[in-house]
Amino acid sequence: MSSTNSRMRNQRVAGPALGLAGILLFLLVWEVVARAGIVDQRFLPPASEVLVTFFGNLIEPGFYQAVGETMLAWAIGLAISTVAAVVIGLIIGSSSFLSKATYSTIEFLRPIPSVALIPLAVLLFGVRIESSLMLIIYASFWQVLLQVLYGVADVDPVAENTAKSYGLGPLARARYVIWPTVLPYLMTGLRLASAVALILAITAELIIVSRGLGYQIALSQSGGAISEMYALVLATGLIGVIINLAMRFIERKTLSWHSSIRSEVVA
């Protein structure tokens, strides 16, 4: 038992250590490439210079205002898309007729890139947060919907028939039979959708919305503040990492009873 616990502790330490080593190696290569003149420093400033700008931003109120604008659009869009996808997914997945009737429509709409809807978003809402929300909701919706549909399709028919034989109504079956099966799929879809929502929030701000981190990146690029631009790009990457870690934490806590999470802990 002690050897198993020791191995688990070593694995927990080795993972973050290797991740940190990878980041440091990336920054070192970036620094060398810029300092050696392999890439013109006008277009790729040294990593050290960008990091100084990045940490300088952390004490600027304007930076946090831009982050707040981006995260507001991210949170609202993700929440709306998740609720809509769960409700629609449960309704469609619970009916074989609806599953067959909507299959071709879903397969047609799902591959459409959200960025292709930018002209429509601008036409409908102009350069406002609603344009960002339209793109975020559209892109995130499919991530969650498909996972919910997969989850409903994976419900054990024997368990469902047994629940029916014991007199459980539709709501009770949805709570005790369907939901526990769908939940792991939903958490996967939510984790994927959270990343997609951030990508679309930044993209929308880069192109159509005059606020948020994306807008600040575009403003820095057009103004020739290249170090500032790279620092903001690093900030968006850091936010993405934080979101991913937070979603994985929520997933582990929500699915602590599930075999997949228990096997991660034991492994």
C-alpha atoms as a PDB file:
ATOM      1  CA  MET A   1       0.000   0.000   0.000  1.00  0.00           C
ATOM      2  CA  SER A   2       2.823   2.402   0.871  1.00  0.00           C
ATOM      3  CA  SER A   3       4.508   1.777  -2.479  1.00  0.00           C
ATOM      4  CA  THR A   4       1.227   2.478  -4.269  1.00  0.00           C
ATOM      5  CA  ASN A   5       0.749   5.740  -2.370  1.00  0.00           C
ATOM      6  CA  SER A   6       4.354   6.712  -3.087  1.00  0.00           C
ATOM      7  CA  ARG A   7       3.865   6.029  -6.788  1.00  0.00           C
ATOM      8  CA  MET A   8       0.674   8.109  -6.824  1.00  0.00           C
ATOM      9  CA  ARG A   9       2.470  11.024  -5.117  1.00  0.00           C
ATOM     10  CA  ASN A  10       5.318  10.801  -7.613  1.00  0.00           C
ATOM     11  CA  GLN A  11       2.863  10.865 -10.506  1.00  0.00           C
ATOM     12  CA  ARG A  12       1.071  13.905  -9.064  1.00  0.00           C
ATOM     13  CA  VAL A  13       4.379  15.727  -8.733  1.00  0.00           C
ATOM     14  CA  ALA A  14       5.802  14.577 -12.074  1.00  0.00           C
ATOM     15  CA  GLY A  15       2.831  15.833 -14.113  1.00  0.00           C
ATOM     16  CA  PRO A  16       3.022  19.513 -13.094  1.00  0.00           C
ATOM     17  CA  ALA A  17       6.836  19.396 -13.085  1.00  0.00           C
ATOM     18  CA  LEU A  18       6.932  18.183 -16.680  1.00  0.00           C
ATOM     19  CA  GLY A  19       4.359  20.784 -17.665  1.00  0.00           C
ATOM     20  CA  LEU A  20       6.434  23.548 -16.081  1.00  0.00           C
ATOM     21  CA  ALA A  21       9.581  22.222 -17.770  1.00  0.00           C
ATOM     22  CA  GLY A  22       7.805  22.312 -21.131  1.00  0.00           C
ATOM     23  CA  ILE A  23       6.751  25.927 -20.593  1.00  0.00           C
ATOM     24  CA  LEU A  24      10.276  26.979 -19.587  1.00  0.00           C
ATOM     25  CA  LEU A  25      11.731  25.201 -22.634  1.00  0.00           C
ATOM     26  CA  PHE A  26       9.243  26.952 -24.905  1.00  0.00           C
ATOM     27  CA  LEU A  27      10.135  30.358 -23.415  1.00  0.00           C
ATOM     28  CA  LEU A  28      13.849  29.589 -23.755  1.00  0.00           C
ATOM     29  CA  VAL A  29      13.502  28.653 -27.421  1.00  0.00           C
ATOM     30  CA  TRP A  30      11.407  31.786 -27.995  1.00  0.00           C
ATOM     31  CA  GLU A  31      14.079  33.939 -26.319  1.00  0.00           C
ATOM     32  CA  VAL A  32      16.910  32.382 -28.351  1.00  0.00           C
ATOM     33  CA  VAL A  33      15.038  32.668 -31.654  1.00  0.00           C
ATOM     34  CA  ALA A  34      14.328  36.351 -31.053  1.00  0.00           C
ATOM     35  CA  ARG A  35      17.761  37.278 -29.674  1.00  0.00           C
ATOM     36  CA  ALA A  36      19.620  35.413 -32.443  1.00  0.00           C
ATOM     37  CA  GLY A  37      17.723  37.344 -35.099  1.00  0.00           C
ATOM     38  CA  ILE A  38      16.198  34.230 -36.631  1.00  0.00           C
ATOM     39  CA  VAL A  39      12.942  36.165 -36.559  1.00  0.00           C
ATOM     40  CA  ASP A  40      12.934  39.970 -36.673  1.00  0.00           C
ATOM     41  CA  GLN A  41      12.343  41.361 -33.168  1.00  0.00           C
ATOM     42  CA  ARG A  42       9.935  43.864 -34.655  1.00  0.00           C
ATOM     43  CA  PHE A  43       7.585  40.920 -35.239  1.00  0.00           C
ATOM     44  CA  LEU A  44       8.666  38.571 -32.438  1.00  0.00           C
ATOM     45  CA  PRO A  45      10.034  40.353 -29.365  1.00  0.00           C
ATOM     46  CA  PRO A  46      12.089  38.291 -26.889  1.00  0.00           C
ATOM     47  CA  ALA A  47      10.091  36.286 -24.365  1.00  0.00           C
ATOM     48  CA  SER A  48      11.670  38.232 -21.491  1.00  0.00           C
ATOM     49  CA  GLU A  49      10.375  41.509 -22.914  1.00  0.00           C
ATOM     50  CA  VAL A  50       6.890  40.105 -23.405  1.00  0.00           C
ATOM     51  CA  LEU A  51       6.831  38.685 -19.874  1.00  0.00           C
ATOM     52  CA  VAL A  52       7.769  42.078 -18.419  1.00  0.00           C
ATOM     53  CA  THR A  53       4.817  43.590 -20.284  1.00  0.00           C
ATOM     54  CA  PHE A  54       2.572  40.715 -19.192  1.00  0.00           C
ATOM     55  CA  PHE A  55       3.349  41.190 -15.498  1.00  0.00           C
ATOM     56  CA  GLY A  56       3.015  44.929 -15.923  1.00  0.00           C
ATOM     57  CA  ASN A  57      -0.525  44.390 -17.185  1.00  0.00           C
ATOM     58  CA  LEU A  58      -1.399  42.583 -13.960  1.00  0.00           C
ATOM     59  CA  ILE A  59      -1.333  45.877 -12.067  1.00  0.00           C
ATOM     60  CA  GLU A  60      -3.325  47.787 -14.682  1.00  0.00           C
ATOM     61  CA  PRO A  61      -7.088  48.207 -13.979  1.00  0.00           C
ATOM     62  CA  GLY A  62      -7.792  48.409 -17.697  1.00  0.00           C
ATOM     63  CA  PHE A  63      -6.470  44.879 -18.180  1.00  0.00           C
ATOM     64  CA  TYR A  64      -8.928  43.444 -15.670  1.00  0.00           C
ATOM     65  CA  GLN A  65     -11.752  45.412 -17.240  1.00  0.00           C
ATOM     66  CA  ALA A  66     -10.962  43.802 -20.603  1.00  0.00           C
ATOM     67  CA  VAL A  67     -10.748  40.367 -18.961  1.00  0.00           C
ATOM     68  CA  GLY A  68     -14.100  40.996 -17.270  1.00  0.00           C
ATOM     69  CA  GLU A  69     -15.751  41.906 -20.576  1.00  0.00           C
ATOM     70  CA  THR A  70     -14.431  38.752 -22.225  1.00  0.00           C
ATOM     71  CA  MET A  71     -15.376  36.478 -19.332  1.00  0.00           C
ATOM     72  CA  LEU A  72     -18.851  37.996 -19.117  1.00  0.00           C
ATOM     73  CA  ALA A  73     -19.566  37.105 -22.741  1.00  0.00           C
ATOM     74  CA  TRP A  74     -17.963  33.682 -22.196  1.00  0.00           C
ATOM     75  CA  ALA A  75     -20.058  32.888 -19.118  1.00  0.00           C
ATOM     76  CA  ILE A  76     -23.383  34.086 -20.515  1.00  0.00           C
ATOM     77  CA  GLY A  77     -22.884  32.343 -23.845  1.00  0.00           C
ATOM     78  CA  LEU A  78     -21.760  29.093 -22.231  1.00  0.00           C
ATOM     79  CA  ALA A  79     -24.672  29.092 -19.775  1.00  0.00           C
ATOM     80  CA  ILE A  80     -27.309  29.712 -22.449  1.00  0.00           C
ATOM     81  CA  SER A  81     -25.873  27.132 -24.839  1.00  0.00           C
ATOM     82  CA  THR A  82     -25.577  24.502 -22.089  1.00  0.00           C
ATOM     83  CA  VAL A  83     -29.146  24.887 -20.839  1.00  0.00           C
ATOM     84  CA  ALA A  84     -30.546  24.886 -24.377  1.00  0.00           C
ATOM     85  CA  ALA A  85     -28.463  21.880 -25.430  1.00  0.00           C
ATOM     86  CA  VAL A  86     -29.395  19.823 -22.351  1.00  0.00           C
ATOM     87  CA  VAL A  87     -33.129  20.466 -22.733  1.00  0.00           C
ATOM     88  CA  ILE A  88     -33.186  19.911 -26.488  1.00  0.00           C
ATOM     89  CA  GLY A  89     -30.830  16.928 -26.264  1.00  0.00           C
ATOM     90  CA  LEU A  90     -32.978  15.162 -23.657  1.00  0.00           C
ATOM     91  CA  ILE A  91     -36.130  15.789 -25.676  1.00  0.00           C
ATOM     92  CA  ILE A  92     -34.646  14.617 -28.990  1.00  0.00           C
ATOM     93  CA  GLY A  93     -32.703  11.714 -27.497  1.00  0.00           C
ATOM     94  CA  SER A  94     -35.754  10.369 -25.675  1.00  0.00           C
ATOM     95  CA  SER A  95     -37.738  10.014 -28.898  1.00  0.00           C
ATOM     96  CA  SER A  96     -36.621   7.741 -31.723  1.00  0.00           C
ATOM     97  CA  PHE A  97     -38.893   9.670 -34.092  1.00  0.00           C
ATOM     98  CA  LEU A  98     -37.319  13.029 -33.202  1.00  0.00           C
ATOM     99  CA  SER A  99     -33.823  11.506 -33.382  1.00  0.00           C
ATOM    100  CA  LYS A 100     -34.412  10.337 -36.938  1.00  0.00           C
ATOM    101  CA  ALA A 101     -36.265  13.510 -37.966  1.00  0.00           C
ATOM    102  CA  THR A 102     -33.555  15.875 -36.713  1.00  0.00           C
ATOM    103  CA  TYR A 103     -30.460  13.845 -37.619  1.00  0.00           C
ATOM    104  CA  SER A 104     -29.942  15.359 -41.074  1.00  0.00           C
ATOM    105  CA  THR A 105     -30.623  18.892 -39.795  1.00  0.00           C
ATOM    106  CA  ILE A 106     -28.067  18.543 -37.009  1.00  0.00           C
ATOM    107  CA  GLU A 107     -25.470  17.081 -39.355  1.00  0.00           C
ATOM    108  CA  PHE A 108     -26.059  19.969 -41.768  1.00  0.00           C
ATOM    109  CA  LEU A 109     -25.881  22.797 -39.220  1.00  0.00           C
ATOM    110  CA  ARG A 110     -23.153  21.449 -36.932  1.00  0.00           C
ATOM    111  CA  PRO A 111     -20.189  21.768 -39.364  1.00  0.00           C
ATOM    112  CA  ILE A 112     -20.943  25.407 -40.225  1.00  0.00           C
ATOM    113  CA  PRO A 113     -18.049  27.455 -38.740  1.00  0.00           C
ATOM    114  CA  SER A 114     -19.230  30.050 -36.258  1.00  0.00           C
ATOM    115  CA  VAL A 115     -16.949  32.662 -37.822  1.00  0.00           C
ATOM    116  CA  ALA A 116     -18.989  32.308 -41.023  1.00  0.00           C
ATOM    117  CA  LEU A 117     -21.884  33.813 -39.076  1.00  0.00           C
ATOM    118  CA  ILE A 118     -19.984  37.020 -38.277  1.00  0.00           C
ATOM    119  CA  PRO A 119     -21.627  39.042 -41.110  1.00  0.00           C
ATOM    120  CA  LEU A 120     -25.045  37.876 -39.915  1.00  0.00           C
ATOM    121  CA  ALA A 121     -24.212  38.721 -36.290  1.00  0.00           C
ATOM    122  CA  VAL A 122     -23.083  42.228 -37.260  1.00  0.00           C
ATOM    123  CA  LEU A 123     -26.189  42.689 -39.409  1.00  0.00           C
ATOM    124  CA  LEU A 124     -28.484  41.657 -36.559  1.00  0.00           C
ATOM    125  CA  PHE A 125     -26.771  43.161 -33.507  1.00  0.00           C
ATOM    126  CA  GLY A 126     -24.024  45.491 -34.721  1.00  0.00           C
ATOM    127  CA  VAL A 127     -20.762  45.774 -32.760  1.00  0.00           C
ATOM    128  CA  ARG A 128     -22.275  44.811 -29.400  1.00  0.00           C
ATOM    129  CA  ILE A 129     -21.933  41.945 -26.949  1.00  0.00           C
ATOM    130  CA  GLU A 130     -24.967  40.263 -28.504  1.00  0.00           C
ATOM    131  CA  SER A 131     -22.861  39.552 -31.590  1.00  0.00           C
ATOM    132  CA  SER A 132     -20.313  37.714 -29.448  1.00  0.00           C
ATOM    133  CA  LEU A 133     -23.061  35.799 -27.686  1.00  0.00           C
ATOM    134  CA  MET A 134     -24.548  34.637 -30.967  1.00  0.00           C
ATOM    135  CA  LEU A 135     -21.223  33.139 -32.074  1.00  0.00           C
ATOM    136  CA  ILE A 136     -20.417  31.666 -28.660  1.00  0.00           C
ATOM    137  CA  ILE A 137     -23.829  30.072 -28.239  1.00  0.00           C
ATOM    138  CA  TYR A 138     -23.833  28.609 -31.732  1.00  0.00           C
ATOM    139  CA  ALA A 139     -20.394  27.035 -31.390  1.00  0.00           C
ATOM    140  CA  SER A 140     -20.817  25.778 -27.810  1.00  0.00           C
ATOM    141  CA  PHE A 141     -24.323  24.440 -28.335  1.00  0.00           C
ATOM    142  CA  TRP A 142     -23.217  21.621 -30.624  1.00  0.00           C
ATOM    143  CA  GLN A 143     -20.458  20.489 -28.272  1.00  0.00           C
ATOM    144  CA  VAL A 144     -22.955  19.905 -25.485  1.00  0.00           C
ATOM    145  CA  LEU A 145     -25.885  18.730 -27.602  1.00  0.00           C
ATOM    146  CA  LEU A 146     -23.968  15.891 -29.247  1.00  0.00           C
ATOM    147  CA  GLN A 147     -22.651  14.645 -25.918  1.00  0.00           C
ATOM    148  CA  VAL A 148     -26.148  14.698 -24.401  1.00  0.00           C
ATOM    149  CA  LEU A 149     -27.475  12.746 -27.385  1.00  0.00           C
ATOM    150  CA  TYR A 150     -24.686  10.189 -26.985  1.00  0.00           C
ATOM    151  CA  GLY A 151     -25.499   9.917 -23.293  1.00  0.00           C
ATOM    152  CA  VAL A 152     -29.211   9.337 -23.837  1.00  0.00           C
ATOM    153  CA  ALA A 153     -28.422   6.733 -26.498  1.00  0.00           C
ATOM    154  CA  ASP A 154     -26.160   4.948 -24.001  1.00  0.00           C
ATOM    155  CA  VAL A 155     -28.917   4.460 -21.414  1.00  0.00           C
ATOM    156  CA  ASP A 156     -29.281   0.772 -20.577  1.00  0.00           C
ATOM    157  CA  PRO A 157     -32.671  -0.374 -21.965  1.00  0.00           C
ATOM    158  CA  VAL A 158     -32.851  -3.093 -19.327  1.00  0.00           C
ATOM    159  CA  ALA A 159     -32.526  -0.515 -16.557  1.00  0.00           C
ATOM    160  CA  GLU A 160     -35.144   1.696 -18.189  1.00  0.00           C
ATOM    161  CA  ASN A 161     -37.579  -1.193 -18.646  1.00  0.00           C
ATOM    162  CA  THR A 162     -37.001  -2.264 -15.055  1.00  0.00           C
ATOM    163  CA  ALA A 163     -37.789   1.258 -13.889  1.00  0.00           C
ATOM    164  CA  LYS A 164     -40.995   1.184 -15.915  1.00  0.00           C
ATOM    165  CA  SER A 165     -41.979  -2.178 -14.435  1.00  0.00           C
ATOM    166  CA  TYR A 166     -41.559  -0.705 -10.943  1.00  0.00           C
ATOM    167  CA  GLY A 167     -43.954   2.066 -11.841  1.00  0.00           C
ATOM    168  CA  LEU A 168     -41.522   4.964 -12.173  1.00  0.00           C
ATOM    169  CA  GLY A 169     -42.963   7.794 -14.216  1.00  0.00           C
ATOM    170  CA  PRO A 170     -41.134   9.724 -16.969  1.00  0.00           C
ATOM    171  CA  LEU A 171     -39.691  12.301 -14.570  1.00  0.00           C
ATOM    172  CA  ALA A 172     -38.516   9.670 -12.086  1.00  0.00           C
ATOM    173  CA  ARG A 173     -36.909   7.636 -14.894  1.00  0.00           C
ATOM    174  CA  ALA A 174     -35.217  10.761 -16.215  1.00  0.00           C
ATOM    175  CA  ARG A 175     -33.833  11.503 -12.744  1.00  0.00           C
ATOM    176  CA  TYR A 176     -32.741   8.041 -11.629  1.00  0.00           C
ATOM    177  CA  VAL A 177     -31.966   6.238 -14.910  1.00  0.00           C
ATOM    178  CA  ILE A 178     -31.296   8.670 -17.753  1.00  0.00           C
ATOM    179  CA  TRP A 179     -29.558  11.526 -15.897  1.00  0.00           C
ATOM    180  CA  PRO A 180     -26.804   9.423 -14.231  1.00  0.00           C
ATOM    181  CA  THR A 181     -25.921   7.998 -17.650  1.00  0.00           C
ATOM    182  CA  VAL A 182     -26.013  11.364 -19.414  1.00  0.00           C
ATOM    183  CA  LEU A 183     -24.065  13.291 -16.759  1.00  0.00           C
ATOM    184  CA  PRO A 184     -20.543  11.997 -17.650  1.00  0.00           C
ATOM    185  CA  TYR A 185     -21.196  12.817 -21.310  1.00  0.00           C
ATOM    186  CA  LEU A 186     -22.552  16.229 -20.335  1.00  0.00           C
ATOM    187  CA  MET A 187     -19.445  17.055 -18.307  1.00  0.00           C
ATOM    188  CA  THR A 188     -17.253  16.152 -21.284  1.00  0.00           C
ATOM    189  CA  GLY A 189     -19.362  18.350 -23.554  1.00  0.00           C
ATOM    190  CA  LEU A 190     -19.247  21.199 -21.039  1.00  0.00           C
ATOM    191  CA  ARG A 191     -15.456  20.989 -20.801  1.00  0.00           C
ATOM    192  CA  LEU A 192     -15.145  21.096 -24.602  1.00  0.00           C
ATOM    193  CA  ALA A 193     -17.719  23.870 -24.893  1.00  0.00           C
ATOM    194  CA  SER A 194     -15.919  26.046 -22.319  1.00  0.00           C
ATOM    195  CA  ALA A 195     -12.789  26.056 -24.469  1.00  0.00           C
ATOM    196  CA  VAL A 196     -14.737  26.694 -27.668  1.00  0.00           C
ATOM    197  CA  ALA A 197     -16.658  29.526 -25.983  1.00  0.00           C
ATOM    198  CA  LEU A 198     -13.412  31.274 -25.035  1.00  0.00           C
ATOM    199  CA  ILE A 199     -12.060  30.923 -28.573  1.00  0.00           C
ATOM    200  CA  LEU A 200     -15.209  32.447 -30.047  1.00  0.00           C
ATOM    201  CA  ALA A 201     -15.325  35.217 -27.444  1.00  0.00           C
ATOM    202  CA  ILE A 202     -11.791  36.304 -28.370  1.00  0.00           C
ATOM    203  CA  THR A 203     -12.480  35.897 -32.105  1.00  0.00           C
ATOM    204  CA  ALA A 204     -15.616  38.014 -31.944  1.00  0.00           C
ATOM    205  CA  GLU A 205     -13.792  40.737 -30.022  1.00  0.00           C
ATOM    206  CA  LEU A 206     -10.930  40.699 -32.520  1.00  0.00           C
ATOM    207  CA  ILE A 207     -13.254  41.325 -35.424  1.00  0.00           C
ATOM    208  CA  ILE A 208     -16.548  42.912 -34.416  1.00  0.00           C
ATOM    209  CA  VAL A 209     -16.821  43.894 -30.738  1.00  0.00           C
ATOM    210  CA  SER A 210     -15.080  47.043 -29.431  1.00  0.00           C
ATOM    211  CA  ARG A 211     -14.303  45.648 -25.960  1.00  0.00           C
ATOM    212  CA  GLY A 212     -12.581  42.749 -24.230  1.00  0.00           C
ATOM    213  CA  LEU A 213      -9.201  41.077 -24.623  1.00  0.00           C
ATOM    214  CA  GLY A 214      -9.660  40.356 -28.316  1.00  0.00           C
ATOM    215  CA  TYR A 215     -10.283  44.021 -29.034  1.00  0.00           C
ATOM    216  CA  GLN A 216      -7.213  44.992 -27.008  1.00  0.00           C
ATOM    217  CA  ILE A 217      -5.105  42.510 -28.997  1.00  0.00           C
ATOM    218  CA  ALA A 218      -6.311  44.002 -32.284  1.00  0.00           C
ATOM    219  CA  LEU A 219      -5.741  47.523 -30.957  1.00  0.00           C
ATOM    220  CA  SER A 220      -2.175  46.684 -29.879  1.00  0.00           C
ATOM    221  CA  GLN A 221      -1.388  45.101 -33.234  1.00  0.00           C
ATOM    222  CA  SER A 222      -2.718  48.028 -35.240  1.00  0.00           C
ATOM    223  CA  GLY A 223      -0.866  50.487 -32.981  1.00  0.00           C
ATOM    224  CA  GLY A 224       2.473  48.691 -33.346  1.00  0.00           C
ATOM    225  CA  ALA A 225       2.648  47.657 -29.662  1.00  0.00           C
ATOM    226  CA  ILE A 226       3.822  44.159 -30.521  1.00  0.00           C
ATOM    227  CA  SER A 227       5.079  43.254 -27.028  1.00  0.00           C
ATOM    228  CA  GLU A 228       1.707  44.282 -25.613  1.00  0.00           C
ATOM    229  CA  MET A 229      -0.037  42.186 -28.245  1.00  0.00           C
ATOM    230  CA  TYR A 230       1.976  39.072 -27.348  1.00  0.00           C
ATOM    231  CA  ALA A 231       1.437  39.730 -23.628  1.00  0.00           C
ATOM    232  CA  LEU A 232      -2.322  39.797 -24.179  1.00  0.00           C
ATOM    233  CA  VAL A 233      -2.126  36.623 -26.239  1.00  0.00           C
ATOM    234  CA  LEU A 234      -0.288  34.978 -23.326  1.00  0.00           C
ATOM    235  CA  ALA A 235      -3.031  36.207 -21.011  1.00  0.00           C
ATOM    236  CA  THR A 236      -5.721  34.576 -23.139  1.00  0.00           C
ATOM    237  CA  GLY A 237      -3.735  31.330 -23.118  1.00  0.00           C
ATOM    238  CA  LEU A 238      -3.419  31.481 -19.329  1.00  0.00           C
ATOM    239  CA  ILE A 239      -7.160  32.066 -18.996  1.00  0.00           C
ATOM    240  CA  GLY A 240      -7.757  29.030 -21.202  1.00  0.00           C
ATOM    241  CA  VAL A 241      -5.545  26.887 -18.965  1.00  0.00           C
ATOM    242  CA  ILE A 242      -7.343  28.124 -15.839  1.00  0.00           C
ATOM    243  CA  ILE A 243     -10.735  27.379 -17.383  1.00  0.00           C
ATOM    244  CA  ASN A 244      -9.628  23.886 -18.363  1.00  0.00           C
ATOM    245  CA  LEU A 245      -8.270  23.159 -14.874  1.00  0.00           C
ATOM    246  CA  ALA A 246     -11.454  24.500 -13.295  1.00  0.00           C
ATOM    247  CA  MET A 247     -13.663  22.383 -15.546  1.00  0.00           C
ATOM    248  CA  ARG A 248     -11.627  19.265 -14.827  1.00  0.00           C
ATOM    249  CA  PHE A 249     -11.903  19.971 -11.090  1.00  0.00           C
ATOM    250  CA  ILE A 250     -15.682  20.373 -11.381  1.00  0.00           C
ATOM    251  CA  GLU A 251     -15.858  17.206 -13.470  1.00  0.00           C
ATOM    252  CA  ARG A 252     -13.936  15.198 -10.866  1.00  0.00           C
ATOM    253  CA  LYS A 253     -16.106  16.503  -8.028  1.00  0.00           C
ATOM    254  CA  THR A 254     -19.363  15.976  -9.929  1.00  0.00           C
ATOM    255  CA  LEU A 255     -18.443  12.473 -11.107  1.00  0.00           C
ATOM    256  CA  SER A 256     -16.633  11.267  -7.989  1.00  0.00           C
ATOM    257  CA  TRP A 257     -19.022   8.313  -7.969  1.00  0.00           C
ATOM    258  CA  HIS A 258     -18.291   7.357 -11.593  1.00  0.00           C
ATOM    259  CA  SER A 259     -15.927   4.520 -12.473  1.00  0.00           C
ATOM    260  CA  SER A 260     -13.835   6.668 -14.835  1.00  0.00           C
ATOM    261  CA  ILE A 261     -12.978   9.146 -12.058  1.00  0.00           C
ATOM    262  CA  ARG A 262     -12.366   6.434  -9.485  1.00  0.00           C
ATOM    263  CA  SER A 263      -9.974   4.668 -11.874  1.00  0.00           C
ATOM    264  CA  GLU A 264      -8.050   7.943 -12.317  1.00  0.00           C
ATOM    265  CA  VAL A 265      -7.612   8.201  -8.563  1.00  0.00           C
ATOM    266  CA  VAL A 266      -6.544   4.567  -8.188  1.00  0.00           C
ATOM    267  CA  ALA A 267      -4.215   4.542 -11.228  1.00  0.00           C
END
